Amino acid sequence: MKRREFIGEACKFAVLCSAPLALSTLQSCSDVENENTDFVSDDDFIDVNKNFIEFNLNQAPFDKLKEINGSIATNGNDFDSKGLLLFRQSENSILAFSRRCPHAGASLDAFNNGSSRCTSHGSEFNLSGTPTRGPAKSNLVQYKVEINEDTIKVSK
């Protein structure tokens, strides 16, 4: 076998052997959804546009936000392309954040025990939207929330 043929065959073999590793690495960076999270579609909102989003706490799954420490995650919509993380902090306070992880843009899970996790790379965020575990280094985008009886309005 000539030197050139040997190098060609060795390169083909190396590529063939490394393909499964490359595929698993790329797959681990995909946006994985947690099956235990309640997701909300655009049809569940009262109104959705680029400036605000409005919904009724008496309608499922938003009714989980009637209880303190209740949390849900919405799918992407016109207001936020990745969706929202919503958390009932107190009787008069609901927190709203973008589900977009500032590290690589993957979607975050709903809050559980005061923490939201990015399933793609493991970043975690507290109820202030601050990363408590990397690789993310910047805070989540937080939105303003108005509570008017059983109607919630989240705005930029």
N, C-alpha and C. Protein backbone atom coordinates (compact mmCIF):
# COMPACT_ATOMS: atom_id res chain seq x y z
N MET A 1 0.86 -1.17 0.00
CA MET A 1 0.00 0.00 0.00
C MET A 1 0.91 1.23 0.00
N LYS A 2 0.56 2.17 -0.85
CA LYS A 2 1.33 3.39 -0.92
C LYS A 2 0.97 4.32 0.23
N ARG A 3 1.89 5.21 0.51
CA ARG A 3 1.72 6.15 1.63
C ARG A 3 0.43 6.97 1.48
N ARG A 4 0.18 7.49 0.30
CA ARG A 4 -1.01 8.31 0.04
C ARG A 4 -2.29 7.51 0.28
N GLU A 5 -2.34 6.26 -0.15
CA GLU A 5 -3.50 5.40 0.06
C GLU A 5 -3.70 5.12 1.56
N PHE A 6 -2.60 4.87 2.25
CA PHE A 6 -2.67 4.61 3.69
C PHE A 6 -3.25 5.81 4.43
N ILE A 7 -2.78 7.00 4.12
CA ILE A 7 -3.28 8.22 4.79
C ILE A 7 -4.76 8.41 4.47
N GLY A 8 -5.17 8.18 3.24
CA GLY A 8 -6.58 8.31 2.86
C GLY A 8 -7.46 7.34 3.63
N GLU A 9 -7.02 6.08 3.72
CA GLU A 9 -7.79 5.07 4.45
C GLU A 9 -7.83 5.38 5.95
N ALA A 10 -6.73 5.86 6.51
CA ALA A 10 -6.68 6.20 7.93
C ALA A 10 -7.62 7.35 8.23
N CYS A 11 -7.69 8.35 7.35
CA CYS A 11 -8.61 9.48 7.55
C CYS A 11 -10.07 9.02 7.50
N LYS A 12 -10.40 8.16 6.53
CA LYS A 12 -11.77 7.64 6.43
C LYS A 12 -12.15 6.89 7.71
N PHE A 13 -11.22 6.08 8.21
CA PHE A 13 -11.46 5.31 9.42
C PHE A 13 -11.66 6.24 10.62
N ALA A 14 -10.86 7.29 10.73
CA ALA A 14 -10.98 8.24 11.85
C ALA A 14 -12.32 8.96 11.82
N VAL A 15 -12.74 9.37 10.64
CA VAL A 15 -14.04 10.04 10.51
C VAL A 15 -15.17 9.08 10.88
N LEU A 16 -15.09 7.86 10.40
CA LEU A 16 -16.11 6.87 10.70
C LEU A 16 -16.20 6.58 12.20
N CYS A 17 -15.06 6.50 12.87
CA CYS A 17 -15.04 6.23 14.31
C CYS A 17 -15.53 7.41 15.14
N SER A 18 -15.32 8.63 14.66
CA SER A 18 -15.70 9.81 15.44
C SER A 18 -17.13 10.26 15.19
N ALA A 19 -17.79 9.74 14.17
CA ALA A 19 -19.15 10.18 13.82
C ALA A 19 -20.14 10.00 14.98
N PRO A 20 -20.19 8.84 15.67
CA PRO A 20 -21.14 8.72 16.79
C PRO A 20 -20.90 9.75 17.90
N LEU A 21 -19.64 10.03 18.19
CA LEU A 21 -19.34 11.02 19.22
C LEU A 21 -19.80 12.41 18.80
N ALA A 22 -19.56 12.77 17.55
CA ALA A 22 -19.98 14.08 17.05
C ALA A 22 -21.50 14.21 17.08
N LEU A 23 -22.21 13.16 16.67
CA LEU A 23 -23.67 13.20 16.68
C LEU A 23 -24.23 13.33 18.10
N SER A 24 -23.65 12.61 19.05
CA SER A 24 -24.16 12.70 20.43
C SER A 24 -23.87 14.07 21.02
N THR A 25 -22.75 14.68 20.66
CA THR A 25 -22.43 16.02 21.14
C THR A 25 -23.42 17.04 20.59
N LEU A 26 -23.71 16.95 19.29
CA LEU A 26 -24.67 17.88 18.68
C LEU A 26 -26.06 17.67 19.26
N GLN A 27 -26.43 16.43 19.50
CA GLN A 27 -27.75 16.13 20.03
C GLN A 27 -27.92 16.66 21.45
N SER A 28 -26.86 16.67 22.25
CA SER A 28 -26.95 17.15 23.63
C SER A 28 -27.16 18.65 23.69
N CYS A 29 -26.90 19.36 22.60
CA CYS A 29 -27.09 20.82 22.57
C CYS A 29 -28.48 21.19 22.09
N SER A 30 -29.30 20.21 21.74
CA SER A 30 -30.64 20.53 21.27
C SER A 30 -31.50 20.98 22.43
N ASP A 31 -32.61 21.62 22.11
CA ASP A 31 -33.52 22.14 23.11
C ASP A 31 -34.46 21.03 23.55
N VAL A 32 -34.24 20.47 24.72
CA VAL A 32 -35.00 19.35 25.25
C VAL A 32 -36.09 19.89 26.16
N GLU A 33 -37.32 19.46 25.94
CA GLU A 33 -38.43 19.90 26.77
C GLU A 33 -38.65 18.89 27.89
N ASN A 34 -38.97 19.36 29.07
CA ASN A 34 -39.27 18.51 30.21
C ASN A 34 -40.73 18.08 30.11
N GLU A 35 -40.99 16.78 30.11
CA GLU A 35 -42.35 16.28 29.95
C GLU A 35 -43.24 16.61 31.14
N ASN A 36 -42.66 16.94 32.30
CA ASN A 36 -43.45 17.22 33.49
C ASN A 36 -43.88 18.68 33.59
N THR A 37 -43.47 19.52 32.66
CA THR A 37 -43.79 20.94 32.70
C THR A 37 -45.12 21.19 32.00
N ASP A 38 -45.94 22.08 32.56
CA ASP A 38 -47.19 22.44 31.91
C ASP A 38 -46.91 23.51 30.87
N PHE A 39 -47.24 23.22 29.63
CA PHE A 39 -47.01 24.18 28.57
C PHE A 39 -48.33 24.75 28.10
N VAL A 40 -48.27 25.97 27.66
CA VAL A 40 -49.45 26.73 27.29
C VAL A 40 -49.32 27.16 25.84
N SER A 41 -50.39 27.05 25.08
CA SER A 41 -50.36 27.49 23.68
C SER A 41 -51.00 28.88 23.56
N ASP A 42 -50.87 29.49 22.39
CA ASP A 42 -51.43 30.82 22.15
C ASP A 42 -52.95 30.85 22.36
N ASP A 43 -53.61 29.73 22.13
CA ASP A 43 -55.07 29.69 22.28
C ASP A 43 -55.52 29.86 23.72
N ASP A 44 -54.62 29.65 24.68
CA ASP A 44 -54.97 29.75 26.09
C ASP A 44 -54.95 31.18 26.61
N PHE A 45 -54.37 32.11 25.86
CA PHE A 45 -54.26 33.50 26.31
C PHE A 45 -55.49 34.30 25.90
N ILE A 46 -55.79 35.35 26.68
CA ILE A 46 -56.85 36.29 26.32
C ILE A 46 -56.39 37.12 25.14
N ASP A 47 -55.16 37.63 25.21
CA ASP A 47 -54.59 38.46 24.16
C ASP A 47 -53.08 38.29 24.15
N VAL A 48 -52.50 38.22 22.95
CA VAL A 48 -51.05 38.09 22.79
C VAL A 48 -50.63 39.02 21.67
N ASN A 49 -49.63 39.87 21.94
CA ASN A 49 -49.02 40.66 20.87
C ASN A 49 -47.57 40.93 21.24
N LYS A 50 -46.89 41.78 20.51
CA LYS A 50 -45.47 42.01 20.75
C LYS A 50 -45.18 42.80 22.02
N ASN A 51 -46.19 43.54 22.54
CA ASN A 51 -45.97 44.40 23.70
C ASN A 51 -46.48 43.83 25.01
N PHE A 52 -47.50 42.98 24.95
CA PHE A 52 -48.02 42.39 26.19
C PHE A 52 -48.73 41.08 25.90
N ILE A 53 -48.96 40.34 26.97
CA ILE A 53 -49.68 39.08 26.91
C ILE A 53 -50.61 39.03 28.12
N GLU A 54 -51.83 38.59 27.93
CA GLU A 54 -52.84 38.63 29.00
C GLU A 54 -53.50 37.26 29.12
N PHE A 55 -53.79 36.85 30.35
CA PHE A 55 -54.44 35.57 30.55
C PHE A 55 -55.28 35.57 31.82
N ASN A 56 -56.15 34.56 31.93
CA ASN A 56 -57.12 34.42 33.01
C ASN A 56 -56.66 33.33 33.97
N LEU A 57 -56.57 33.69 35.26
CA LEU A 57 -56.13 32.73 36.27
C LEU A 57 -57.16 31.64 36.55
N ASN A 58 -58.37 31.80 36.10
CA ASN A 58 -59.39 30.78 36.30
C ASN A 58 -59.35 29.69 35.24
N GLN A 59 -58.54 29.91 34.21
CA GLN A 59 -58.45 28.96 33.10
C GLN A 59 -57.19 28.10 33.29
N ALA A 60 -57.36 26.77 33.12
CA ALA A 60 -56.20 25.86 33.20
C ALA A 60 -55.28 26.13 32.02
N PRO A 61 -54.01 26.03 32.16
CA PRO A 61 -53.21 25.68 33.33
C PRO A 61 -52.81 26.90 34.18
N PHE A 62 -53.32 28.09 33.82
CA PHE A 62 -52.96 29.28 34.59
C PHE A 62 -53.47 29.23 36.02
N ASP A 63 -54.45 28.39 36.28
CA ASP A 63 -55.00 28.28 37.63
C ASP A 63 -53.95 27.82 38.64
N LYS A 64 -52.86 27.21 38.17
CA LYS A 64 -51.76 26.83 39.08
C LYS A 64 -51.11 28.07 39.70
N LEU A 65 -51.26 29.21 39.03
CA LEU A 65 -50.67 30.45 39.54
C LEU A 65 -51.55 31.11 40.61
N LYS A 66 -52.69 30.53 40.92
CA LYS A 66 -53.51 31.04 42.01
C LYS A 66 -52.91 30.67 43.36
N GLU A 67 -52.10 29.62 43.38
CA GLU A 67 -51.46 29.17 44.62
C GLU A 67 -50.05 29.72 44.71
N ILE A 68 -49.66 30.16 45.90
CA ILE A 68 -48.30 30.63 46.13
C ILE A 68 -47.33 29.48 45.85
N ASN A 69 -46.24 29.77 45.17
CA ASN A 69 -45.22 28.83 44.70
C ASN A 69 -45.65 28.05 43.46
N GLY A 70 -46.80 28.39 42.88
CA GLY A 70 -47.21 27.75 41.63
C GLY A 70 -46.38 28.29 40.48
N SER A 71 -46.05 27.43 39.52
CA SER A 71 -45.23 27.84 38.39
C SER A 71 -45.65 27.11 37.13
N ILE A 72 -45.62 27.82 36.00
CA ILE A 72 -45.87 27.22 34.70
C ILE A 72 -44.90 27.81 33.69
N ALA A 73 -44.77 27.13 32.57
CA ALA A 73 -43.98 27.60 31.44
C ALA A 73 -44.88 27.61 30.22
N THR A 74 -44.79 28.65 29.42
CA THR A 74 -45.59 28.73 28.20
C THR A 74 -44.71 28.42 27.00
N ASN A 75 -45.33 28.05 25.92
CA ASN A 75 -44.61 27.88 24.66
C ASN A 75 -44.29 29.25 24.09
N GLY A 76 -43.49 29.28 23.05
CA GLY A 76 -43.18 30.53 22.37
C GLY A 76 -44.44 31.17 21.80
N ASN A 77 -44.43 32.48 21.70
CA ASN A 77 -45.59 33.22 21.20
C ASN A 77 -45.12 34.54 20.61
N ASP A 78 -46.04 35.40 20.19
CA ASP A 78 -45.66 36.69 19.61
C ASP A 78 -44.97 37.60 20.60
N PHE A 79 -45.31 37.48 21.88
CA PHE A 79 -44.70 38.31 22.92
C PHE A 79 -43.24 37.91 23.17
N ASP A 80 -42.98 36.62 23.30
CA ASP A 80 -41.62 36.09 23.53
C ASP A 80 -41.49 34.78 22.76
N SER A 81 -40.57 34.73 21.83
CA SER A 81 -40.45 33.57 20.94
C SER A 81 -40.11 32.27 21.66
N LYS A 82 -39.54 32.33 22.86
CA LYS A 82 -39.25 31.11 23.64
C LYS A 82 -40.34 30.82 24.66
N GLY A 83 -41.20 31.79 24.95
CA GLY A 83 -42.24 31.59 25.95
C GLY A 83 -41.86 32.24 27.27
N LEU A 84 -42.71 32.02 28.28
CA LEU A 84 -42.54 32.65 29.59
C LEU A 84 -42.41 31.62 30.69
N LEU A 85 -41.69 32.03 31.74
CA LEU A 85 -41.66 31.31 33.02
C LEU A 85 -42.46 32.17 33.97
N LEU A 86 -43.49 31.61 34.58
CA LEU A 86 -44.33 32.36 35.51
C LEU A 86 -44.29 31.69 36.88
N PHE A 87 -44.20 32.50 37.93
CA PHE A 87 -44.10 31.99 39.29
C PHE A 87 -44.89 32.87 40.23
N ARG A 88 -45.77 32.26 41.04
CA ARG A 88 -46.55 33.00 42.04
C ARG A 88 -45.72 33.13 43.29
N GLN A 89 -45.20 34.33 43.55
CA GLN A 89 -44.32 34.57 44.68
C GLN A 89 -45.09 34.86 45.96
N SER A 90 -46.20 35.60 45.85
CA SER A 90 -47.02 35.94 47.00
C SER A 90 -48.43 36.23 46.50
N GLU A 91 -49.31 36.58 47.43
CA GLU A 91 -50.69 36.89 47.07
C GLU A 91 -50.77 38.01 46.03
N ASN A 92 -49.86 38.98 46.12
CA ASN A 92 -49.89 40.15 45.24
C ASN A 92 -48.76 40.20 44.23
N SER A 93 -48.03 39.09 44.04
CA SER A 93 -46.87 39.14 43.16
C SER A 93 -46.71 37.86 42.35
N ILE A 94 -46.64 38.05 41.03
CA ILE A 94 -46.31 36.97 40.10
C ILE A 94 -45.09 37.43 39.32
N LEU A 95 -44.09 36.57 39.26
CA LEU A 95 -42.87 36.88 38.51
C LEU A 95 -43.00 36.32 37.10
N ALA A 96 -42.46 37.05 36.12
CA ALA A 96 -42.48 36.60 34.73
C ALA A 96 -41.10 36.82 34.12
N PHE A 97 -40.56 35.76 33.54
CA PHE A 97 -39.25 35.79 32.88
C PHE A 97 -39.38 35.16 31.50
N SER A 98 -38.46 35.50 30.62
CA SER A 98 -38.34 34.80 29.35
C SER A 98 -37.81 33.40 29.63
N ARG A 99 -38.27 32.42 28.85
CA ARG A 99 -37.75 31.05 28.98
C ARG A 99 -36.42 30.87 28.27
N ARG A 100 -35.95 31.90 27.57
CA ARG A 100 -34.71 31.81 26.80
C ARG A 100 -33.50 31.84 27.72
N CYS A 101 -32.72 30.78 27.72
CA CYS A 101 -31.48 30.73 28.51
C CYS A 101 -30.48 31.69 27.87
N PRO A 102 -29.88 32.60 28.66
CA PRO A 102 -28.94 33.55 28.09
C PRO A 102 -27.63 32.91 27.61
N HIS A 103 -27.38 31.66 27.95
CA HIS A 103 -26.14 30.99 27.51
C HIS A 103 -26.20 30.63 26.03
N ALA A 104 -27.21 29.87 25.63
CA ALA A 104 -27.27 29.41 24.24
C ALA A 104 -28.67 29.47 23.65
N GLY A 105 -29.62 30.09 24.36
CA GLY A 105 -30.95 30.29 23.81
C GLY A 105 -31.92 29.13 23.95
N ALA A 106 -31.55 28.09 24.67
CA ALA A 106 -32.46 26.96 24.88
C ALA A 106 -33.59 27.36 25.83
N SER A 107 -34.66 26.58 25.85
CA SER A 107 -35.79 26.86 26.73
C SER A 107 -35.55 26.31 28.13
N LEU A 108 -36.03 27.04 29.12
CA LEU A 108 -35.91 26.65 30.52
C LEU A 108 -37.18 25.97 31.00
N ASP A 109 -37.03 25.14 32.03
CA ASP A 109 -38.18 24.49 32.66
C ASP A 109 -38.86 25.46 33.62
N ALA A 110 -40.10 25.16 33.99
CA ALA A 110 -40.82 25.94 35.00
C ALA A 110 -40.04 25.85 36.32
N PHE A 111 -40.29 26.81 37.21
CA PHE A 111 -39.61 26.81 38.50
C PHE A 111 -40.06 25.62 39.34
N ASN A 112 -39.09 25.01 40.00
CA ASN A 112 -39.33 23.91 40.90
C ASN A 112 -38.44 24.13 42.11
N ASN A 113 -39.03 24.26 43.29
CA ASN A 113 -38.28 24.55 44.52
C ASN A 113 -37.44 25.82 44.37
N GLY A 114 -37.99 26.83 43.71
CA GLY A 114 -37.33 28.13 43.59
C GLY A 114 -36.22 28.19 42.56
N SER A 115 -36.14 27.19 41.68
CA SER A 115 -35.08 27.15 40.68
C SER A 115 -35.62 26.71 39.33
N SER A 116 -35.11 27.33 38.27
CA SER A 116 -35.45 26.92 36.91
C SER A 116 -34.18 26.42 36.25
N ARG A 117 -34.29 25.33 35.49
CA ARG A 117 -33.11 24.68 34.92
C ARG A 117 -33.19 24.62 33.40
N CYS A 118 -32.04 24.84 32.78
CA CYS A 118 -31.89 24.65 31.34
C CYS A 118 -31.45 23.21 31.12
N THR A 119 -32.28 22.43 30.47
CA THR A 119 -31.97 21.02 30.28
C THR A 119 -30.88 20.79 29.24
N SER A 120 -30.57 21.80 28.42
CA SER A 120 -29.53 21.62 27.40
C SER A 120 -28.13 21.61 27.98
N HIS A 121 -27.82 22.56 28.88
CA HIS A 121 -26.45 22.66 29.38
C HIS A 121 -26.37 22.72 30.91
N GLY A 122 -27.50 22.68 31.61
CA GLY A 122 -27.48 22.59 33.07
C GLY A 122 -27.47 23.89 33.83
N SER A 123 -27.56 25.04 33.16
CA SER A 123 -27.62 26.30 33.90
C SER A 123 -28.87 26.31 34.76
N GLU A 124 -28.77 26.93 35.94
CA GLU A 124 -29.92 27.07 36.83
C GLU A 124 -30.06 28.52 37.23
N PHE A 125 -31.32 28.94 37.46
CA PHE A 125 -31.63 30.32 37.78
C PHE A 125 -32.55 30.38 38.99
N ASN A 126 -32.32 31.37 39.86
CA ASN A 126 -33.17 31.53 41.04
C ASN A 126 -34.36 32.43 40.70
N LEU A 127 -35.17 32.75 41.69
CA LEU A 127 -36.38 33.53 41.47
C LEU A 127 -36.11 35.00 41.15
N SER A 128 -34.86 35.41 41.22
CA SER A 128 -34.48 36.76 40.78
C SER A 128 -34.03 36.74 39.33
N GLY A 129 -33.98 35.56 38.72
CA GLY A 129 -33.51 35.41 37.35
C GLY A 129 -31.99 35.37 37.24
N THR A 130 -31.32 35.26 38.38
CA THR A 130 -29.86 35.24 38.44
C THR A 130 -29.36 33.81 38.30
N PRO A 131 -28.31 33.58 37.48
CA PRO A 131 -27.79 32.22 37.37
C PRO A 131 -27.12 31.79 38.68
N THR A 132 -27.47 30.60 39.14
CA THR A 132 -26.85 30.04 40.34
C THR A 132 -25.91 28.90 39.97
N ARG A 133 -25.99 28.46 38.72
CA ARG A 133 -25.11 27.40 38.21
C ARG A 133 -24.93 27.65 36.72
N GLY A 134 -23.68 27.57 36.24
CA GLY A 134 -23.35 27.87 34.85
C GLY A 134 -23.61 26.70 33.94
N PRO A 135 -23.36 26.96 32.67
CA PRO A 135 -22.48 27.93 32.07
C PRO A 135 -23.06 29.33 31.87
N ALA A 136 -24.36 29.55 32.04
CA ALA A 136 -24.92 30.90 31.85
C ALA A 136 -24.30 31.87 32.85
N LYS A 137 -24.04 33.09 32.38
CA LYS A 137 -23.44 34.11 33.24
C LYS A 137 -24.33 35.35 33.41
N SER A 138 -25.33 35.50 32.56
CA SER A 138 -26.19 36.68 32.67
C SER A 138 -27.60 36.30 33.11
N ASN A 139 -28.31 37.30 33.61
CA ASN A 139 -29.65 37.11 34.16
C ASN A 139 -30.68 36.86 33.06
N LEU A 140 -31.79 36.26 33.47
CA LEU A 140 -32.93 36.10 32.57
C LEU A 140 -33.59 37.46 32.34
N VAL A 141 -34.23 37.60 31.19
CA VAL A 141 -35.02 38.80 30.92
C VAL A 141 -36.28 38.71 31.77
N GLN A 142 -36.54 39.77 32.55
CA GLN A 142 -37.72 39.79 33.39
C GLN A 142 -38.72 40.79 32.85
N TYR A 143 -40.01 40.45 32.96
CA TYR A 143 -41.09 41.29 32.47
C TYR A 143 -41.92 41.84 33.62
N LYS A 144 -42.65 42.91 33.34
CA LYS A 144 -43.56 43.52 34.33
C LYS A 144 -44.86 42.72 34.36
N VAL A 145 -45.43 42.60 35.55
CA VAL A 145 -46.69 41.86 35.71
C VAL A 145 -47.69 42.74 36.44
N GLU A 146 -48.90 42.83 35.88
CA GLU A 146 -50.02 43.51 36.55
C GLU A 146 -51.08 42.47 36.85
N ILE A 147 -51.56 42.47 38.10
CA ILE A 147 -52.62 41.55 38.50
C ILE A 147 -53.87 42.38 38.73
N ASN A 148 -54.94 42.07 37.99
CA ASN A 148 -56.21 42.76 38.15
C ASN A 148 -57.28 41.69 38.37
N GLU A 149 -57.56 41.41 39.65
CA GLU A 149 -58.44 40.32 40.06
C GLU A 149 -57.92 39.01 39.50
N ASP A 150 -58.62 38.38 38.55
CA ASP A 150 -58.18 37.10 38.01
C ASP A 150 -57.54 37.22 36.63
N THR A 151 -57.22 38.41 36.21
CA THR A 151 -56.56 38.64 34.92
C THR A 151 -55.13 39.11 35.16
N ILE A 152 -54.22 38.51 34.45
CA ILE A 152 -52.79 38.85 34.56
C ILE A 152 -52.36 39.42 33.23
N LYS A 153 -51.60 40.53 33.29
CA LYS A 153 -51.05 41.15 32.09
C LYS A 153 -49.53 41.24 32.28
N VAL A 154 -48.79 40.63 31.36
CA VAL A 154 -47.33 40.67 31.36
C VAL A 154 -46.91 41.57 30.21
N SER A 155 -46.04 42.55 30.51
CA SER A 155 -45.62 43.50 29.48
C SER A 155 -44.12 43.74 29.52
N LYS A 156 -43.63 44.32 28.44
CA LYS A 156 -42.19 44.60 28.32
C LYS A 156 -41.86 45.92 28.96
